[in-house]
Protein backbone atom coordinates (compact mmCIF):
# COMPACT_ATOMS: atom_id res chain seq x y z
CA MET A 1 -90.92 53.65 238.61
CA ARG A 2 -93.83 53.52 241.06
CA GLU A 3 -93.72 51.88 244.69
CA PRO A 4 -96.08 49.32 245.12
CA LEU A 5 -99.53 49.72 246.46
CA SER A 6 -99.82 49.39 250.33
CA ALA A 7 -102.37 47.20 251.54
CA ALA A 8 -104.80 50.16 252.38
CA ALA A 9 -104.05 51.60 248.72
CA ALA A 10 -104.69 48.37 247.16
CA ALA A 11 -108.16 47.69 248.91
CA GLU A 12 -109.49 51.57 248.20
CA LEU A 13 -108.41 51.00 244.39
CA ALA A 14 -110.30 47.44 244.17
CA ALA A 15 -113.60 49.37 245.72
CA GLN A 16 -113.20 51.86 242.94
CA LEU A 17 -112.24 49.20 240.37
CA LYS A 18 -115.42 47.20 241.37
CA ALA A 19 -117.40 50.25 241.16
CA LEU A 20 -116.03 50.86 237.81
CA SER A 21 -116.65 46.95 236.49
CA ASP A 22 -120.22 47.43 235.68
CA PRO A 23 -120.99 48.70 232.33
CA VAL A 24 -123.72 51.25 233.28
CA ARG A 25 -122.05 52.90 235.89
CA LEU A 26 -118.46 52.98 233.38
CA ARG A 27 -120.69 55.04 231.21
CA LEU A 28 -122.19 56.93 233.69
CA PHE A 29 -118.95 58.11 234.97
CA SER A 30 -117.58 58.34 231.84
CA VAL A 31 -120.29 61.16 230.97
CA VAL A 32 -119.57 62.95 234.00
CA ALA A 33 -115.73 62.74 233.22
CA SER A 34 -116.45 63.65 229.86
CA ARG A 35 -118.47 67.22 230.83
CA ALA A 36 -116.64 70.70 230.63
CA GLY A 37 -115.26 70.78 234.43
CA GLY A 38 -116.42 67.28 235.13
CA GLU A 39 -119.37 68.38 236.29
CA ALA A 40 -122.73 66.92 235.15
CA CYS A 41 -126.51 67.53 236.18
CA VAL A 42 -128.46 64.42 237.05
CA CYS A 43 -131.10 65.39 234.38
CA ASP A 44 -128.17 65.14 231.60
CA ILE A 45 -126.38 62.16 233.03
CA SER A 46 -129.31 59.68 232.41
CA ALA A 47 -129.49 60.72 228.31
CA GLY A 48 -129.27 58.13 226.12
CA ILE A 49 -128.58 55.54 229.64
CA GLU A 50 -131.26 52.54 228.53
CA VAL A 51 -132.55 52.25 232.67
CA GLY A 52 -134.87 53.89 234.59
CA GLN A 53 -134.06 56.73 237.17
CA PRO A 54 -134.08 54.74 240.44
CA THR A 55 -131.65 52.63 238.61
CA VAL A 56 -129.51 55.46 237.48
CA SER A 57 -129.84 56.80 241.24
CA HIS A 58 -128.70 53.72 242.52
CA HIS A 59 -125.44 53.18 239.90
CA LEU A 60 -124.69 57.37 241.08
CA LYS A 61 -124.66 55.97 244.63
CA VAL A 62 -122.13 52.82 244.25
CA LEU A 63 -120.07 55.47 241.98
CA ARG A 64 -120.05 58.21 244.97
CA GLN A 65 -119.38 55.30 248.08
CA ALA A 66 -116.44 54.39 245.96
CA GLY A 67 -115.26 57.98 246.24
CA LEU A 68 -115.24 58.30 242.38
CA LEU A 69 -117.78 60.88 242.42
CA THR A 70 -119.05 64.16 244.75
CA SER A 71 -122.62 65.29 244.89
CA ALA A 72 -124.60 68.59 245.40
CA ARG A 73 -128.03 69.34 245.58
CA ARG A 74 -128.82 72.52 243.35
CA GLY A 75 -132.38 73.64 243.77
CA SER A 76 -134.36 70.17 242.76
CA TRP A 77 -131.49 69.23 240.64
CA VAL A 78 -128.64 67.62 241.97
CA TYR A 79 -125.29 67.72 240.38
CA TYR A 80 -122.58 65.15 239.97
CA ARG A 81 -118.93 66.14 239.80
CA VAL A 82 -115.26 63.65 239.37
CA ILE A 83 -113.42 63.86 242.21
CA PRO A 84 -109.89 64.86 240.48
CA GLN A 85 -107.76 62.83 243.02
CA ALA A 86 -109.44 59.64 242.47
CA LEU A 87 -109.05 60.13 238.30
CA GLN A 88 -105.55 60.79 238.85
CA ARG A 89 -105.01 57.68 240.94
CA LEU A 90 -106.43 55.64 238.50
CA SER A 91 -104.68 56.80 235.89
CA ILE A 92 -101.28 56.66 237.64
CA VAL A 93 -102.12 52.86 238.54
CA LEU A 94 -103.45 52.29 234.89
CA GLY A 95 -100.49 53.71 233.48
CA THR A 96 -102.24 56.59 231.32
CA GLU A 97 -100.11 59.51 233.18
CA GLN A 98 -97.51 58.92 230.73
CA LEU A 99 -100.09 59.21 227.71
CA ILE A 100 -101.95 62.08 229.04
CA GLY A 101 -98.87 64.02 229.97
CA GLY A 102 -96.85 62.68 226.29
CA ARG A 103 -99.68 64.67 224.71
């Protein structure tokens, strides 16, 4: 059994879920999370997403502000990485840790 969420934890989780509630952001997050090491270059992330680069950048910024991604500039490219603790917290709250651990 889990403990109920505190008010602060619920507010943080709600912000993350709100960020993921947009289909484009959810796809972008999924692209980054599915890459080896949970990291992807912005040049790879936007492939197949039917919005312009400024829109992709905005959505990635929202995901960073929600505490789901970090970014690092390497030369002229920006690389995005999933924050493992955020992914783990989402898995626990959504009950998927049992699925992940039970494989």
